[in-house]
C-alpha atoms as a PDB file:
ATOM      1  CA  MET A   1      18.404  27.164  44.402  1.00  0.00           C
ATOM      2  CA  PRO A   2      16.359  30.043  42.905  1.00  0.00           C
ATOM      3  CA  THR A   3      13.048  29.114  41.281  1.00  0.00           C
ATOM      4  CA  SER A   4      10.322  30.709  39.212  1.00  0.00           C
ATOM      5  CA  ARG A   5       6.900  29.754  37.881  1.00  0.00           C
ATOM      6  CA  LEU A   6       5.755  30.820  34.419  1.00  0.00           C
ATOM      7  CA  GLN A   7       2.188  30.486  33.169  1.00  0.00           C
ATOM      8  CA  ILE A   8       1.382  30.725  29.471  1.00  0.00           C
ATOM      9  CA  PRO A   9      -2.296  30.868  28.460  1.00  0.00           C
ATOM     10  CA  HIS A  10      -3.464  29.032  25.344  1.00  0.00           C
ATOM     11  CA  GLN A  11      -6.661  28.168  23.480  1.00  0.00           C
ATOM     12  CA  LEU A  12      -5.568  24.789  22.127  1.00  0.00           C
ATOM     13  CA  GLU A  13      -6.663  21.282  23.012  1.00  0.00           C
ATOM     14  CA  THR A  14      -4.414  19.988  25.789  1.00  0.00           C
ATOM     15  CA  ALA A  15      -2.986  17.235  23.568  1.00  0.00           C
ATOM     16  CA  GLU A  16      -2.141  19.745  20.814  1.00  0.00           C
ATOM     17  CA  ALA A  17      -0.411  22.088  23.251  1.00  0.00           C
ATOM     18  CA  GLN A  18       1.697  19.190  24.551  1.00  0.00           C
ATOM     19  CA  ARG A  19       2.470  17.985  21.013  1.00  0.00           C
ATOM     20  CA  ARG A  20       3.806  21.444  20.105  1.00  0.00           C
ATOM     21  CA  ILE A  21       6.020  21.562  23.190  1.00  0.00           C
ATOM     22  CA  LEU A  22       7.450  18.112  22.428  1.00  0.00           C
ATOM     23  CA  LYS A  23       8.034  19.053  18.787  1.00  0.00           C
ATOM     24  CA  PHE A  24       9.929  22.191  19.856  1.00  0.00           C
ATOM     25  CA  ALA A  25      12.119  20.198  22.270  1.00  0.00           C
ATOM     26  CA  ASP A  26      12.952  17.693  19.524  1.00  0.00           C
ATOM     27  CA  ALA A  27      13.746  20.452  17.004  1.00  0.00           C
ATOM     28  CA  THR A  28      15.999  22.237  19.520  1.00  0.00           C
ATOM     29  CA  ARG A  29      17.828  18.972  20.300  1.00  0.00           C
ATOM     30  CA  GLN A  30      18.578  18.509  16.599  1.00  0.00           C
ATOM     31  CA  ASN A  31      19.751  22.107  15.990  1.00  0.00           C
ATOM     32  CA  PRO A  32      23.455  22.354  16.853  1.00  0.00           C
ATOM     33  CA  GLY A  33      23.475  26.153  16.363  1.00  0.00           C
ATOM     34  CA  THR A  34      21.409  26.982  19.430  1.00  0.00           C
ATOM     35  CA  LEU A  35      22.645  28.114  22.860  1.00  0.00           C
ATOM     36  CA  ILE A  36      20.442  25.464  24.470  1.00  0.00           C
ATOM     37  CA  THR A  37      22.136  22.069  24.710  1.00  0.00           C
ATOM     38  CA  ASN A  38      21.815  18.758  26.543  1.00  0.00           C
ATOM     39  CA  ILE A  39      18.008  18.768  26.556  1.00  0.00           C
ATOM     40  CA  GLU A  40      16.510  15.923  28.554  1.00  0.00           C
ATOM     41  CA  ASP A  41      12.805  15.478  29.182  1.00  0.00           C
ATOM     42  CA  SER A  42      10.472  12.862  30.562  1.00  0.00           C
ATOM     43  CA  TRP A  43       6.671  12.831  30.410  1.00  0.00           C
ATOM     44  CA  SER A  44       3.890  11.127  32.315  1.00  0.00           C
ATOM     45  CA  GLY A  45       0.543  12.129  30.876  1.00  0.00           C
ATOM     46  CA  ASN A  46       0.404  15.906  30.621  1.00  0.00           C
ATOM     47  CA  THR A  47       3.187  16.499  33.160  1.00  0.00           C
ATOM     48  CA  GLY A  48       6.856  16.524  32.307  1.00  0.00           C
ATOM     49  CA  THR A  49      10.240  17.189  33.812  1.00  0.00           C
ATOM     50  CA  PHE A  50      13.167  18.658  31.943  1.00  0.00           C
ATOM     51  CA  ARG A  51      16.795  19.671  32.162  1.00  0.00           C
ATOM     52  CA  PHE A  52      18.891  21.676  29.716  1.00  0.00           C
ATOM     53  CA  SER A  53      22.113  23.633  29.587  1.00  0.00           C
ATOM     54  CA  VAL A  54      22.534  27.205  28.428  1.00  0.00           C
ATOM     55  CA  LEU A  55      25.925  28.922  28.455  1.00  0.00           C
ATOM     56  CA  GLY A  56      27.281  26.039  30.538  1.00  0.00           C
ATOM     57  CA  MET A  57      24.611  26.374  33.252  1.00  0.00           C
ATOM     58  CA  THR A  58      22.063  23.623  33.882  1.00  0.00           C
ATOM     59  CA  ILE A  59      18.437  24.610  34.356  1.00  0.00           C
ATOM     60  CA  SER A  60      15.802  22.087  35.380  1.00  0.00           C
ATOM     61  CA  GLY A  61      12.138  22.051  36.178  1.00  0.00           C
ATOM     62  CA  GLY A  62       8.704  20.792  35.327  1.00  0.00           C
ATOM     63  CA  VAL A  63       5.933  21.433  32.823  1.00  0.00           C
ATOM     64  CA  LYS A  64       2.228  20.891  33.298  1.00  0.00           C
ATOM     65  CA  VAL A  65      -0.071  21.212  30.290  1.00  0.00           C
ATOM     66  CA  GLU A  66      -3.566  22.200  31.402  1.00  0.00           C
ATOM     67  CA  PRO A  67      -6.687  22.957  29.332  1.00  0.00           C
ATOM     68  CA  GLU A  68      -6.165  26.742  29.331  1.00  0.00           C
ATOM     69  CA  ARG A  69      -2.519  27.211  30.263  1.00  0.00           C
ATOM     70  CA  VAL A  70       0.922  25.680  30.416  1.00  0.00           C
ATOM     71  CA  GLN A  71       2.724  26.017  33.728  1.00  0.00           C
ATOM     72  CA  ILE A  72       6.515  25.887  33.729  1.00  0.00           C
ATOM     73  CA  ASP A  73       8.486  25.684  36.958  1.00  0.00           C
ATOM     74  CA  LEU A  74      12.192  26.481  36.665  1.00  0.00           C
ATOM     75  CA  GLN A  75      15.127  25.879  38.994  1.00  0.00           C
ATOM     76  CA  TYR A  76      18.279  27.909  38.374  1.00  0.00           C
ATOM     77  CA  PRO A  77      21.796  27.484  39.711  1.00  0.00           C
ATOM     78  CA  LEU A  78      23.099  30.559  41.522  1.00  0.00           C
ATOM     79  CA  THR A  79      25.417  31.244  38.577  1.00  0.00           C
ATOM     80  CA  ALA A  80      22.354  31.750  36.324  1.00  0.00           C
ATOM     81  CA  LEU A  81      20.726  34.332  38.585  1.00  0.00           C
ATOM     82  CA  LEU A  82      22.065  37.236  36.524  1.00  0.00           C
ATOM     83  CA  PHE A  83      20.354  35.776  33.449  1.00  0.00           C
ATOM     84  CA  LYS A  84      17.100  34.713  35.144  1.00  0.00           C
ATOM     85  CA  SER A  85      14.881  37.452  33.711  1.00  0.00           C
ATOM     86  CA  ARG A  86      16.344  37.016  30.213  1.00  0.00           C
ATOM     87  CA  ILE A  87      15.780  33.261  30.343  1.00  0.00           C
ATOM     88  CA  GLU A  88      12.195  33.778  31.529  1.00  0.00           C
ATOM     89  CA  GLN A  89      11.521  36.329  28.767  1.00  0.00           C
ATOM     90  CA  GLU A  90      12.870  33.960  26.106  1.00  0.00           C
ATOM     91  CA  ILE A  91      10.784  31.053  27.392  1.00  0.00           C
ATOM     92  CA  LEU A  92       7.635  33.175  27.580  1.00  0.00           C
ATOM     93  CA  ALA A  93       8.168  34.541  24.065  1.00  0.00           C
ATOM     94  CA  LYS A  94       8.902  31.136  22.507  1.00  0.00           C
ATOM     95  CA  ALA A  95       6.099  29.383  24.390  1.00  0.00           C
ATOM     96  CA  GLY A  96       3.665  32.139  23.403  1.00  0.00           C
ATOM     97  CA  GLN A  97       4.564  31.584  19.732  1.00  0.00           C
ATOM     98  CA  LEU A  98       4.291  27.803  20.048  1.00  0.00           C
ATOM     99  CA  LEU A  99       0.894  27.909  21.702  1.00  0.00           C
ATOM    100  CA  ARG A 100      -0.667  30.504  19.431  1.00  0.00           C
ATOM    101  CA  LYS A 101      -3.734  29.137  17.689  1.00  0.00           C
END
């Protein structure tokens, strides 16, 4: 299964960065007009795991919120390989907006 690791720098307190990520996940879950569906996440401290569907493909991975960055590890099914760079760009753009001070 193809994987990638994204790192997004931030200047927020760790708890605030995590709060923003959780708020975004909740808002996306409640918005039926988005391409992202079936969001599941679980957290233990500042580390979380997630799974979501986009265009019928399930993507999973982990998130680690650190003092100066958020690390996101993604696992893609082979069917999502054609969209891998687009998915990464969207995550980086959205995460960059979320974590902006």
